[in-house]
Amino acid sequence: KALVDRTNYTQFYEFLNSNYSRIELDNYVNNYNNGNAGNQVAMSDVNFNSLYQSVLYKSSASRYAAINTAFTTAGNYFTVAQAKKLIPLVTDEANRLQLAKTVYKVLVDGSNYTQFYE
């Protein structure tokens, strides 16, 4: 519910290796009925850096859960740049796809979303 410009969401594609995952993400975006995020503010740099360091030092198995919790915690909003730093910390593509779906709801600068397609 926090995305401003859905047309750029495709920037998350760079984290997805298979066409199936990209199609799955497109289907999710096309079917998700989100609200207006224009008035939301992304997590501060200080708080984001703390979150990033916390996730970075977790085991690979724990990173997905930590990032998912951050993306689903009420009041947390992220920029695409912030999400692009967190999602690659997870190695499993299915988990990266799920995180891309989850963060879609809390992005404040959706106009940059196509950066994930690279």
PDB file of N, CA and C in Angstrom:
ATOM      1  N   LYS A   1       0.795  -1.198   0.000  1.00  0.00           N
ATOM      2  CA  LYS A   1       0.000   0.000   0.000  1.00  0.00           C
ATOM      3  C   LYS A   1       0.840   1.265   0.000  1.00  0.00           C
ATOM      4  N   ALA A   2       2.124   1.129  -0.212  1.00  0.00           N
ATOM      5  CA  ALA A   2       2.985   2.292  -0.112  1.00  0.00           C
ATOM      6  C   ALA A   2       3.717   2.619  -1.402  1.00  0.00           C
ATOM      7  N   LEU A   3       3.247   2.156  -2.525  1.00  0.00           N
ATOM      8  CA  LEU A   3       3.934   2.399  -3.778  1.00  0.00           C
ATOM      9  C   LEU A   3       3.313   3.562  -4.519  1.00  0.00           C
ATOM     10  N   VAL A   4       4.148   4.447  -5.045  1.00  0.00           N
ATOM     11  CA  VAL A   4       3.686   5.632  -5.742  1.00  0.00           C
ATOM     12  C   VAL A   4       3.503   5.363  -7.224  1.00  0.00           C
ATOM     13  N   ASP A   5       4.439   4.695  -7.857  1.00  0.00           N
ATOM     14  CA  ASP A   5       4.429   4.494  -9.298  1.00  0.00           C
ATOM     15  C   ASP A   5       4.667   3.029  -9.627  1.00  0.00           C
ATOM     16  N   ARG A   6       3.606   2.293  -9.860  1.00  0.00           N
ATOM     17  CA  ARG A   6       3.691   0.859 -10.087  1.00  0.00           C
ATOM     18  C   ARG A   6       4.441   0.502 -11.361  1.00  0.00           C
ATOM     19  N   THR A   7       4.525   1.400 -12.315  1.00  0.00           N
ATOM     20  CA  THR A   7       5.144   1.064 -13.592  1.00  0.00           C
ATOM     21  C   THR A   7       6.634   0.769 -13.467  1.00  0.00           C
ATOM     22  N   ASN A   8       7.261   1.216 -12.432  1.00  0.00           N
ATOM     23  CA  ASN A   8       8.696   0.992 -12.270  1.00  0.00           C
ATOM     24  C   ASN A   8       9.037  -0.154 -11.332  1.00  0.00           C
ATOM     25  N   TYR A   9       8.062  -0.895 -10.907  1.00  0.00           N
ATOM     26  CA  TYR A   9       8.278  -2.007  -9.993  1.00  0.00           C
ATOM     27  C   TYR A   9       9.177  -3.074 -10.606  1.00  0.00           C
ATOM     28  N   THR A  10       9.237  -3.106 -11.900  1.00  0.00           N
ATOM     29  CA  THR A  10       9.995  -4.142 -12.597  1.00  0.00           C
ATOM     30  C   THR A  10      11.492  -4.081 -12.329  1.00  0.00           C
ATOM     31  N   GLN A  11      11.978  -3.081 -11.639  1.00  0.00           N
ATOM     32  CA  GLN A  11      13.396  -3.007 -11.318  1.00  0.00           C
ATOM     33  C   GLN A  11      13.834  -4.171 -10.438  1.00  0.00           C
ATOM     34  N   PHE A  12      12.898  -4.818  -9.786  1.00  0.00           N
ATOM     35  CA  PHE A  12      13.226  -5.978  -8.967  1.00  0.00           C
ATOM     36  C   PHE A  12      13.628  -7.180  -9.810  1.00  0.00           C
ATOM     37  N   TYR A  13      13.413  -7.149 -11.105  1.00  0.00           N
ATOM     38  CA  TYR A  13      13.754  -8.279 -11.971  1.00  0.00           C
ATOM     39  C   TYR A  13      15.227  -8.666 -11.901  1.00  0.00           C
ATOM     40  N   GLU A  14      16.097  -7.725 -11.616  1.00  0.00           N
ATOM     41  CA  GLU A  14      17.526  -8.058 -11.598  1.00  0.00           C
ATOM     42  C   GLU A  14      17.837  -9.122 -10.555  1.00  0.00           C
ATOM     43  N   PHE A  15      16.960  -9.308  -9.585  1.00  0.00           N
ATOM     44  CA  PHE A  15      17.177 -10.312  -8.550  1.00  0.00           C
ATOM     45  C   PHE A  15      16.561 -11.646  -8.906  1.00  0.00           C
ATOM     46  N   LEU A  16      15.879 -11.699 -10.034  1.00  0.00           N
ATOM     47  CA  LEU A  16      15.174 -12.915 -10.428  1.00  0.00           C
ATOM     48  C   LEU A  16      15.789 -13.466 -11.706  1.00  0.00           C
ATOM     49  N   ASN A  17      16.285 -14.673 -11.643  1.00  0.00           N
ATOM     50  CA  ASN A  17      16.982 -15.257 -12.776  1.00  0.00           C
ATOM     51  C   ASN A  17      16.047 -15.911 -13.780  1.00  0.00           C
ATOM     52  N   SER A  18      14.928 -16.415 -13.330  1.00  0.00           N
ATOM     53  CA  SER A  18      14.065 -17.163 -14.242  1.00  0.00           C
ATOM     54  C   SER A  18      12.899 -16.316 -14.733  1.00  0.00           C
ATOM     55  N   ASN A  19      12.480 -16.597 -15.948  1.00  0.00           N
ATOM     56  CA  ASN A  19      11.304 -15.924 -16.503  1.00  0.00           C
ATOM     57  C   ASN A  19      10.061 -16.267 -15.699  1.00  0.00           C
ATOM     58  N   TYR A  20       9.995 -17.486 -15.176  1.00  0.00           N
ATOM     59  CA  TYR A  20       8.845 -17.883 -14.360  1.00  0.00           C
ATOM     60  C   TYR A  20       8.693 -16.938 -13.169  1.00  0.00           C
ATOM     61  N   SER A  21       9.789 -16.656 -12.484  1.00  0.00           N
ATOM     62  CA  SER A  21       9.732 -15.759 -11.326  1.00  0.00           C
ATOM     63  C   SER A  21       9.320 -14.355 -11.738  1.00  0.00           C
ATOM     64  N   ARG A  22       9.798 -13.892 -12.877  1.00  0.00           N
ATOM     65  CA  ARG A  22       9.431 -12.566 -13.362  1.00  0.00           C
ATOM     66  C   ARG A  22       7.943 -12.507 -13.693  1.00  0.00           C
ATOM     67  N   ILE A  23       7.440 -13.551 -14.330  1.00  0.00           N
ATOM     68  CA  ILE A  23       6.000 -13.608 -14.645  1.00  0.00           C
ATOM     69  C   ILE A  23       5.186 -13.652 -13.360  1.00  0.00           C
ATOM     70  N   GLU A  24       5.643 -14.431 -12.404  1.00  0.00           N
ATOM     71  CA  GLU A  24       4.956 -14.525 -11.112  1.00  0.00           C
ATOM     72  C   GLU A  24       4.896 -13.159 -10.430  1.00  0.00           C
ATOM     73  N   LEU A  25       6.002 -12.423 -10.482  1.00  0.00           N
ATOM     74  CA  LEU A  25       6.027 -11.087  -9.885  1.00  0.00           C
ATOM     75  C   LEU A  25       5.076 -10.152 -10.628  1.00  0.00           C
ATOM     76  N   ASP A  26       5.087 -10.207 -11.950  1.00  0.00           N
ATOM     77  CA  ASP A  26       4.164  -9.380 -12.737  1.00  0.00           C
ATOM     78  C   ASP A  26       2.710  -9.693 -12.393  1.00  0.00           C
ATOM     79  N   ASN A  27       2.391 -10.968 -12.272  1.00  0.00           N
ATOM     80  CA  ASN A  27       1.024 -11.351 -11.916  1.00  0.00           C
ATOM     81  C   ASN A  27       0.646 -10.812 -10.545  1.00  0.00           C
ATOM     82  N   TYR A  28       1.567 -10.885  -9.619  1.00  0.00           N
ATOM     83  CA  TYR A  28       1.298 -10.365  -8.287  1.00  0.00           C
ATOM     84  C   TYR A  28       1.030  -8.865  -8.335  1.00  0.00           C
ATOM     85  N   VAL A  29       1.893  -8.135  -9.016  1.00  0.00           N
ATOM     86  CA  VAL A  29       1.743  -6.685  -9.111  1.00  0.00           C
ATOM     87  C   VAL A  29       0.426  -6.323  -9.780  1.00  0.00           C
ATOM     88  N   ASN A  30       0.103  -7.019 -10.845  1.00  0.00           N
ATOM     89  CA  ASN A  30      -1.118  -6.719 -11.585  1.00  0.00           C
ATOM     90  C   ASN A  30      -2.380  -7.025 -10.789  1.00  0.00           C
ATOM     91  N   ASN A  31      -2.284  -7.942  -9.847  1.00  0.00           N
ATOM     92  CA  ASN A  31      -3.460  -8.326  -9.066  1.00  0.00           C
ATOM     93  C   ASN A  31      -3.532  -7.690  -7.692  1.00  0.00           C
ATOM     94  N   TYR A  32      -2.470  -6.992  -7.294  1.00  0.00           N
ATOM     95  CA  TYR A  32      -2.440  -6.388  -5.965  1.00  0.00           C
ATOM     96  C   TYR A  32      -3.122  -5.031  -6.003  1.00  0.00           C
ATOM     97  N   ASN A  33      -4.046  -4.831  -5.120  1.00  0.00           N
ATOM     98  CA  ASN A  33      -4.770  -3.561  -5.050  1.00  0.00           C
ATOM     99  C   ASN A  33      -4.191  -2.737  -3.907  1.00  0.00           C
ATOM    100  N   ASN A  34      -3.226  -1.863  -4.244  1.00  0.00           N
ATOM    101  CA  ASN A  34      -2.569  -1.090  -3.187  1.00  0.00           C
ATOM    102  C   ASN A  34      -3.148   0.309  -3.065  1.00  0.00           C
ATOM    103  N   GLY A  35      -2.824   0.953  -1.955  1.00  0.00           N
ATOM    104  CA  GLY A  35      -3.272   2.315  -1.707  1.00  0.00           C
ATOM    105  C   GLY A  35      -2.246   3.330  -2.172  1.00  0.00           C
ATOM    106  N   ASN A  36      -2.394   4.558  -1.730  1.00  0.00           N
ATOM    107  CA  ASN A  36      -1.515   5.655  -2.137  1.00  0.00           C
ATOM    108  C   ASN A  36      -0.411   5.819  -1.107  1.00  0.00           C
ATOM    109  N   ALA A  37       0.843   5.749  -1.562  1.00  0.00           N
ATOM    110  CA  ALA A  37       1.978   5.870  -0.655  1.00  0.00           C
ATOM    111  C   ALA A  37       2.615   7.249  -0.706  1.00  0.00           C
ATOM    112  N   GLY A  38       2.011   8.137  -1.414  1.00  0.00           N
ATOM    113  CA  GLY A  38       2.618   9.442  -1.624  1.00  0.00           C
ATOM    114  C   GLY A  38       2.943  10.213  -0.365  1.00  0.00           C
ATOM    115  N   ASN A  39       2.280   9.911   0.738  1.00  0.00           N
ATOM    116  CA  ASN A  39       2.516  10.659   1.970  1.00  0.00           C
ATOM    117  C   ASN A  39       3.416   9.934   2.963  1.00  0.00           C
ATOM    118  N   GLN A  40       3.953   8.783   2.585  1.00  0.00           N
ATOM    119  CA  GLN A  40       4.777   8.000   3.502  1.00  0.00           C
ATOM    120  C   GLN A  40       6.238   8.434   3.396  1.00  0.00           C
ATOM    121  N   VAL A  41       6.972   8.197   4.455  1.00  0.00           N
ATOM    122  CA  VAL A  41       8.390   8.547   4.504  1.00  0.00           C
ATOM    123  C   VAL A  41       9.194   7.266   4.692  1.00  0.00           C
ATOM    124  N   ALA A  42      10.234   7.115   3.884  1.00  0.00           N
ATOM    125  CA  ALA A  42      11.080   5.928   3.983  1.00  0.00           C
ATOM    126  C   ALA A  42      11.858   5.924   5.295  1.00  0.00           C
ATOM    127  N   MET A  43      12.303   4.744   5.669  1.00  0.00           N
ATOM    128  CA  MET A  43      13.131   4.570   6.853  1.00  0.00           C
ATOM    129  C   MET A  43      14.349   5.499   6.759  1.00  0.00           C
ATOM    130  N   SER A  44      14.710   6.114   7.858  1.00  0.00           N
ATOM    131  CA  SER A  44      15.866   7.021   7.870  1.00  0.00           C
ATOM    132  C   SER A  44      17.139   6.242   7.548  1.00  0.00           C
ATOM    133  N   ASP A  45      18.143   6.942   7.068  1.00  0.00           N
ATOM    134  CA  ASP A  45      19.423   6.304   6.743  1.00  0.00           C
ATOM    135  C   ASP A  45      20.033   5.641   7.971  1.00  0.00           C
ATOM    136  N   VAL A  46      19.940   6.290   9.097  1.00  0.00           N
ATOM    137  CA  VAL A  46      20.503   5.726  10.335  1.00  0.00           C
ATOM    138  C   VAL A  46      19.807   4.420  10.677  1.00  0.00           C
ATOM    139  N   ASN A  47      18.484   4.421  10.666  1.00  0.00           N
ATOM    140  CA  ASN A  47      17.742   3.203  10.990  1.00  0.00           C
ATOM    141  C   ASN A  47      17.965   2.120   9.943  1.00  0.00           C
ATOM    142  N   PHE A  48      18.016   2.527   8.661  1.00  0.00           N
ATOM    143  CA  PHE A  48      18.247   1.543   7.613  1.00  0.00           C
ATOM    144  C   PHE A  48      19.636   0.919   7.754  1.00  0.00           C
ATOM    145  N   ASN A  49      20.655   1.733   7.989  1.00  0.00           N
ATOM    146  CA  ASN A  49      22.007   1.200   8.131  1.00  0.00           C
ATOM    147  C   ASN A  49      22.103   0.231   9.305  1.00  0.00           C
ATOM    148  N   SER A  50      21.400   0.531  10.370  1.00  0.00           N
ATOM    149  CA  SER A  50      21.361  -0.372  11.519  1.00  0.00           C
ATOM    150  C   SER A  50      20.684  -1.690  11.131  1.00  0.00           C
ATOM    151  N   LEU A  51      19.563  -1.598  10.427  1.00  0.00           N
ATOM    152  CA  LEU A  51      18.865  -2.795   9.964  1.00  0.00           C
ATOM    153  C   LEU A  51      19.760  -3.607   9.034  1.00  0.00           C
ATOM    154  N   TYR A  52      20.395  -2.932   8.076  1.00  0.00           N
ATOM    155  CA  TYR A  52      21.249  -3.610   7.104  1.00  0.00           C
ATOM    156  C   TYR A  52      22.379  -4.368   7.814  1.00  0.00           C
ATOM    157  N   GLN A  53      23.053  -3.708   8.740  1.00  0.00           N
ATOM    158  CA  GLN A  53      24.140  -4.355   9.464  1.00  0.00           C
ATOM    159  C   GLN A  53      23.635  -5.551  10.266  1.00  0.00           C
ATOM    160  N   SER A  54      22.472  -5.387  10.866  1.00  0.00           N
ATOM    161  CA  SER A  54      21.880  -6.474  11.629  1.00  0.00           C
ATOM    162  C   SER A  54      21.618  -7.691  10.741  1.00  0.00           C
ATOM    163  N   VAL A  55      21.067  -7.460   9.558  1.00  0.00           N
ATOM    164  CA  VAL A  55      20.769  -8.558   8.629  1.00  0.00           C
ATOM    165  C   VAL A  55      22.060  -9.150   8.080  1.00  0.00           C
ATOM    166  N   LEU A  56      23.000  -8.312   7.725  1.00  0.00           N
ATOM    167  CA  LEU A  56      24.260  -8.756   7.130  1.00  0.00           C
ATOM    168  C   LEU A  56      24.993  -9.749   8.018  1.00  0.00           C
ATOM    169  N   TYR A  57      24.944  -9.544   9.304  1.00  0.00           N
ATOM    170  CA  TYR A  57      25.690 -10.403  10.219  1.00  0.00           C
ATOM    171  C   TYR A  57      24.908 -11.626  10.676  1.00  0.00           C
ATOM    172  N   LYS A  58      23.718 -11.812  10.147  1.00  0.00           N
ATOM    173  CA  LYS A  58      22.946 -13.024  10.448  1.00  0.00           C
ATOM    174  C   LYS A  58      23.400 -14.154   9.535  1.00  0.00           C
ATOM    175  N   SER A  59      23.091 -15.356   9.923  1.00  0.00           N
ATOM    176  CA  SER A  59      23.382 -16.493   9.051  1.00  0.00           C
ATOM    177  C   SER A  59      22.492 -16.403   7.819  1.00  0.00           C
ATOM    178  N   SER A  60      22.903 -17.046   6.760  1.00  0.00           N
ATOM    179  CA  SER A  60      22.122 -17.027   5.519  1.00  0.00           C
ATOM    180  C   SER A  60      20.694 -17.491   5.764  1.00  0.00           C
ATOM    181  N   ALA A  61      20.542 -18.487   6.591  1.00  0.00           N
ATOM    182  CA  ALA A  61      19.220 -19.033   6.861  1.00  0.00           C
ATOM    183  C   ALA A  61      18.313 -18.044   7.601  1.00  0.00           C
ATOM    184  N   SER A  62      18.891 -17.128   8.341  1.00  0.00           N
ATOM    185  CA  SER A  62      18.112 -16.173   9.133  1.00  0.00           C
ATOM    186  C   SER A  62      17.823 -14.865   8.403  1.00  0.00           C
ATOM    187  N   ARG A  63      18.516 -14.603   7.328  1.00  0.00           N
ATOM    188  CA  ARG A  63      18.376 -13.316   6.645  1.00  0.00           C
ATOM    189  C   ARG A  63      16.991 -13.096   6.068  1.00  0.00           C
ATOM    190  N   TYR A  64      16.437 -14.114   5.434  1.00  0.00           N
ATOM    191  CA  TYR A  64      15.103 -13.968   4.841  1.00  0.00           C
ATOM    192  C   TYR A  64      14.096 -13.527   5.899  1.00  0.00           C
ATOM    193  N   ALA A  65      14.078 -14.210   7.018  1.00  0.00           N
ATOM    194  CA  ALA A  65      13.116 -13.899   8.082  1.00  0.00           C
ATOM    195  C   ALA A  65      13.304 -12.472   8.595  1.00  0.00           C
ATOM    196  N   ALA A  66      14.553 -12.060   8.758  1.00  0.00           N
ATOM    197  CA  ALA A  66      14.826 -10.713   9.269  1.00  0.00           C
ATOM    198  C   ALA A  66      14.361  -9.640   8.287  1.00  0.00           C
ATOM    199  N   ILE A  67      14.632  -9.849   6.999  1.00  0.00           N
ATOM    200  CA  ILE A  67      14.207  -8.868   5.993  1.00  0.00           C
ATOM    201  C   ILE A  67      12.695  -8.867   5.861  1.00  0.00           C
ATOM    202  N   ASN A  68      12.099 -10.042   5.852  1.00  0.00           N
ATOM    203  CA  ASN A  68      10.645 -10.133   5.758  1.00  0.00           C
ATOM    204  C   ASN A  68       9.980  -9.418   6.933  1.00  0.00           C
ATOM    205  N   THR A  69      10.532  -9.587   8.117  1.00  0.00           N
ATOM    206  CA  THR A  69       9.991  -8.896   9.295  1.00  0.00           C
ATOM    207  C   THR A  69      10.101  -7.386   9.123  1.00  0.00           C
ATOM    208  N   ALA A  70      11.218  -6.923   8.615  1.00  0.00           N
ATOM    209  CA  ALA A  70      11.388  -5.475   8.394  1.00  0.00           C
ATOM    210  C   ALA A  70      10.372  -4.959   7.391  1.00  0.00           C
ATOM    211  N   PHE A  71      10.144  -5.720   6.311  1.00  0.00           N
ATOM    212  CA  PHE A  71       9.208  -5.293   5.274  1.00  0.00           C
ATOM    213  C   PHE A  71       7.753  -5.361   5.724  1.00  0.00           C
ATOM    214  N   THR A  72       7.462  -6.159   6.725  1.00  0.00           N
ATOM    215  CA  THR A  72       6.071  -6.328   7.156  1.00  0.00           C
ATOM    216  C   THR A  72       5.753  -5.637   8.478  1.00  0.00           C
ATOM    217  N   THR A  73       6.730  -4.980   9.069  1.00  0.00           N
ATOM    218  CA  THR A  73       6.495  -4.265  10.321  1.00  0.00           C
ATOM    219  C   THR A  73       5.732  -2.974  10.020  1.00  0.00           C
ATOM    220  N   ALA A  74       4.613  -2.792  10.675  1.00  0.00           N
ATOM    221  CA  ALA A  74       3.785  -1.606  10.463  1.00  0.00           C
ATOM    222  C   ALA A  74       4.607  -0.344  10.684  1.00  0.00           C
ATOM    223  N   GLY A  75       4.475   0.590   9.763  1.00  0.00           N
ATOM    224  CA  GLY A  75       5.173   1.858   9.864  1.00  0.00           C
ATOM    225  C   GLY A  75       6.520   1.896   9.165  1.00  0.00           C
ATOM    226  N   ASN A  76       7.023   0.738   8.742  1.00  0.00           N
ATOM    227  CA  ASN A  76       8.284   0.705   7.996  1.00  0.00           C
ATOM    228  C   ASN A  76       8.000   0.920   6.517  1.00  0.00           C
ATOM    229  N   TYR A  77       8.680   1.884   5.917  1.00  0.00           N
ATOM    230  CA  TYR A  77       8.603   2.143   4.489  1.00  0.00           C
ATOM    231  C   TYR A  77      10.023   2.242   3.968  1.00  0.00           C
ATOM    232  N   PHE A  78      10.211   1.853   2.708  1.00  0.00           N
ATOM    233  CA  PHE A  78      11.541   1.758   2.136  1.00  0.00           C
ATOM    234  C   PHE A  78      11.602   2.419   0.770  1.00  0.00           C
ATOM    235  N   THR A  79      12.802   2.857   0.408  1.00  0.00           N
ATOM    236  CA  THR A  79      13.051   3.286  -0.961  1.00  0.00           C
ATOM    237  C   THR A  79      13.472   2.056  -1.754  1.00  0.00           C
ATOM    238  N   VAL A  80      13.419   2.157  -3.069  1.00  0.00           N
ATOM    239  CA  VAL A  80      13.891   1.064  -3.914  1.00  0.00           C
ATOM    240  C   VAL A  80      15.375   0.814  -3.644  1.00  0.00           C
ATOM    241  N   ALA A  81      16.147   1.875  -3.486  1.00  0.00           N
ATOM    242  CA  ALA A  81      17.584   1.722  -3.217  1.00  0.00           C
ATOM    243  C   ALA A  81      17.819   0.915  -1.934  1.00  0.00           C
ATOM    244  N   GLN A  82      17.030   1.179  -0.906  1.00  0.00           N
ATOM    245  CA  GLN A  82      17.172   0.426   0.333  1.00  0.00           C
ATOM    246  C   GLN A  82      16.818  -1.043   0.113  1.00  0.00           C
ATOM    247  N   ALA A  83      15.715  -1.288  -0.561  1.00  0.00           N
ATOM    248  CA  ALA A  83      15.296  -2.668  -0.826  1.00  0.00           C
ATOM    249  C   ALA A  83      16.333  -3.398  -1.678  1.00  0.00           C
ATOM    250  N   LYS A  84      16.943  -2.668  -2.618  1.00  0.00           N
ATOM    251  CA  LYS A  84      17.956  -3.274  -3.481  1.00  0.00           C
ATOM    252  C   LYS A  84      19.205  -3.669  -2.700  1.00  0.00           C
ATOM    253  N   LYS A  85      19.429  -3.070  -1.580  1.00  0.00           N
ATOM    254  CA  LYS A  85      20.563  -3.466  -0.738  1.00  0.00           C
ATOM    255  C   LYS A  85      20.216  -4.694   0.099  1.00  0.00           C
ATOM    256  N   LEU A  86      18.969  -4.785   0.524  1.00  0.00           N
ATOM    257  CA  LEU A  86      18.586  -5.888   1.404  1.00  0.00           C
ATOM    258  C   LEU A  86      18.310  -7.196   0.665  1.00  0.00           C
ATOM    259  N   ILE A  87      17.544  -7.144  -0.386  1.00  0.00           N
ATOM    260  CA  ILE A  87      17.093  -8.369  -1.051  1.00  0.00           C
ATOM    261  C   ILE A  87      18.244  -9.258  -1.526  1.00  0.00           C
ATOM    262  N   PRO A  88      19.328  -8.717  -2.091  1.00  0.00           N
ATOM    263  CA  PRO A  88      20.420  -9.600  -2.528  1.00  0.00           C
ATOM    264  C   PRO A  88      21.146 -10.333  -1.401  1.00  0.00           C
ATOM    265  N   LEU A  89      20.888  -9.953  -0.160  1.00  0.00           N
ATOM    266  CA  LEU A  89      21.489 -10.672   0.955  1.00  0.00           C
ATOM    267  C   LEU A  89      20.916 -12.081   1.099  1.00  0.00           C
ATOM    268  N   VAL A  90      19.800 -12.325   0.419  1.00  0.00           N
ATOM    269  CA  VAL A  90      19.157 -13.639   0.411  1.00  0.00           C
ATOM    270  C   VAL A  90      19.554 -14.348  -0.880  1.00  0.00           C
ATOM    271  N   THR A  91      20.023 -15.574  -0.775  1.00  0.00           N
ATOM    272  CA  THR A  91      20.542 -16.262  -1.953  1.00  0.00           C
ATOM    273  C   THR A  91      19.485 -17.025  -2.739  1.00  0.00           C
ATOM    274  N   ASP A  92      18.452 -17.501  -2.111  1.00  0.00           N
ATOM    275  CA  ASP A  92      17.435 -18.307  -2.775  1.00  0.00           C
ATOM    276  C   ASP A  92      16.496 -17.428  -3.606  1.00  0.00           C
ATOM    277  N   GLU A  93      16.369 -17.728  -4.902  1.00  0.00           N
ATOM    278  CA  GLU A  93      15.547 -16.894  -5.780  1.00  0.00           C
ATOM    279  C   GLU A  93      14.082 -16.869  -5.365  1.00  0.00           C
ATOM    280  N   ALA A  94      13.543 -17.995  -4.933  1.00  0.00           N
ATOM    281  CA  ALA A  94      12.139 -18.014  -4.497  1.00  0.00           C
ATOM    282  C   ALA A  94      11.934 -17.058  -3.323  1.00  0.00           C
ATOM    283  N   ASN A  95      12.883 -17.013  -2.425  1.00  0.00           N
ATOM    284  CA  ASN A  95      12.790 -16.090  -1.289  1.00  0.00           C
ATOM    285  C   ASN A  95      12.950 -14.641  -1.737  1.00  0.00           C
ATOM    286  N   ARG A  96      13.842 -14.401  -2.701  1.00  0.00           N
ATOM    287  CA  ARG A  96      13.993 -13.035  -3.235  1.00  0.00           C
ATOM    288  C   ARG A  96      12.701 -12.585  -3.908  1.00  0.00           C
ATOM    289  N   LEU A  97      12.059 -13.487  -4.641  1.00  0.00           N
ATOM    290  CA  LEU A  97      10.780 -13.169  -5.272  1.00  0.00           C
ATOM    291  C   LEU A  97       9.749 -12.799  -4.212  1.00  0.00           C
ATOM    292  N   GLN A  98       9.670 -13.592  -3.156  1.00  0.00           N
ATOM    293  CA  GLN A  98       8.708 -13.302  -2.094  1.00  0.00           C
ATOM    294  C   GLN A  98       9.001 -11.956  -1.437  1.00  0.00           C
ATOM    295  N   LEU A  99      10.263 -11.652  -1.223  1.00  0.00           N
ATOM    296  CA  LEU A  99      10.624 -10.357  -0.635  1.00  0.00           C
ATOM    297  C   LEU A  99      10.272  -9.207  -1.571  1.00  0.00           C
ATOM    298  N   ALA A 100      10.469  -9.411  -2.883  1.00  0.00           N
ATOM    299  CA  ALA A 100      10.104  -8.376  -3.855  1.00  0.00           C
ATOM    300  C   ALA A 100       8.601  -8.125  -3.821  1.00  0.00           C
ATOM    301  N   LYS A 101       7.822  -9.172  -3.641  1.00  0.00           N
ATOM    302  CA  LYS A 101       6.375  -9.008  -3.522  1.00  0.00           C
ATOM    303  C   LYS A 101       6.019  -8.276  -2.227  1.00  0.00           C
ATOM    304  N   THR A 102       6.685  -8.658  -1.172  1.00  0.00           N
ATOM    305  CA  THR A 102       6.390  -8.077   0.135  1.00  0.00           C
ATOM    306  C   THR A 102       6.752  -6.598   0.175  1.00  0.00           C
ATOM    307  N   VAL A 103       7.926  -6.231  -0.340  1.00  0.00           N
ATOM    308  CA  VAL A 103       8.363  -4.842  -0.269  1.00  0.00           C
ATOM    309  C   VAL A 103       7.529  -3.936  -1.166  1.00  0.00           C
ATOM    310  N   TYR A 104       6.922  -4.500  -2.177  1.00  0.00           N
ATOM    311  CA  TYR A 104       6.092  -3.711  -3.097  1.00  0.00           C
ATOM    312  C   TYR A 104       5.063  -2.876  -2.341  1.00  0.00           C
ATOM    313  N   LYS A 105       4.553  -3.423  -1.284  1.00  0.00           N
ATOM    314  CA  LYS A 105       3.509  -2.752  -0.509  1.00  0.00           C
ATOM    315  C   LYS A 105       4.027  -1.562   0.285  1.00  0.00           C
ATOM    316  N   VAL A 106       5.332  -1.485   0.495  1.00  0.00           N
ATOM    317  CA  VAL A 106       5.869  -0.446   1.375  1.00  0.00           C
ATOM    318  C   VAL A 106       6.967   0.398   0.725  1.00  0.00           C
ATOM    319  N   LEU A 107       6.973   0.462  -0.594  1.00  0.00           N
ATOM    320  CA  LEU A 107       7.932   1.324  -1.296  1.00  0.00           C
ATOM    321  C   LEU A 107       7.374   2.730  -1.411  1.00  0.00           C
ATOM    322  N   VAL A 108       8.207   3.708  -1.141  1.00  0.00           N
ATOM    323  CA  VAL A 108       7.759   5.100  -1.238  1.00  0.00           C
ATOM    324  C   VAL A 108       8.126   5.738  -2.569  1.00  0.00           C
ATOM    325  N   ASP A 109       9.031   5.112  -3.301  1.00  0.00           N
ATOM    326  CA  ASP A 109       9.466   5.674  -4.576  1.00  0.00           C
ATOM    327  C   ASP A 109       9.319   4.649  -5.702  1.00  0.00           C
ATOM    328  N   GLY A 110       8.126   4.204  -5.883  1.00  0.00           N
ATOM    329  CA  GLY A 110       7.855   3.188  -6.889  1.00  0.00           C
ATOM    330  C   GLY A 110       8.278   3.574  -8.287  1.00  0.00           C
ATOM    331  N   SER A 111       8.458   4.859  -8.542  1.00  0.00           N
ATOM    332  CA  SER A 111       8.899   5.280  -9.872  1.00  0.00           C
ATOM    333  C   SER A 111      10.275   4.712 -10.192  1.00  0.00           C
ATOM    334  N   ASN A 112      10.990   4.252  -9.192  1.00  0.00           N
ATOM    335  CA  ASN A 112      12.313   3.656  -9.394  1.00  0.00           C
ATOM    336  C   ASN A 112      12.287   2.130  -9.418  1.00  0.00           C
ATOM    337  N   TYR A 113      11.122   1.542  -9.346  1.00  0.00           N
ATOM    338  CA  TYR A 113      11.012   0.094  -9.212  1.00  0.00           C
ATOM    339  C   TYR A 113      11.655  -0.683 -10.355  1.00  0.00           C
ATOM    340  N   THR A 114      11.672  -0.134 -11.565  1.00  0.00           N
ATOM    341  CA  THR A 114      12.243  -0.877 -12.682  1.00  0.00           C
ATOM    342  C   THR A 114      13.741  -1.129 -12.525  1.00  0.00           C
ATOM    343  N   GLN A 115      14.395  -0.527 -11.565  1.00  0.00           N
ATOM    344  CA  GLN A 115      15.802  -0.811 -11.302  1.00  0.00           C
ATOM    345  C   GLN A 115      16.023  -2.269 -10.942  1.00  0.00           C
ATOM    346  N   PHE A 116      14.990  -2.949 -10.473  1.00  0.00           N
ATOM    347  CA  PHE A 116      15.123  -4.354 -10.095  1.00  0.00           C
ATOM    348  C   PHE A 116      15.162  -5.283 -11.303  1.00  0.00           C
ATOM    349  N   TYR A 117      14.808  -4.818 -12.469  1.00  0.00           N
ATOM    350  CA  TYR A 117      14.817  -5.667 -13.667  1.00  0.00           C
ATOM    351  C   TYR A 117      16.214  -5.916 -14.206  1.00  0.00           C
ATOM    352  N   GLU A 118      17.182  -5.103 -13.849  1.00  0.00           N
ATOM    353  CA  GLU A 118      18.527  -5.188 -14.436  1.00  0.00           C
ATOM    354  C   GLU A 118      19.188  -6.522 -14.202  1.00  0.00           C
TER     355      GLU A 118
END
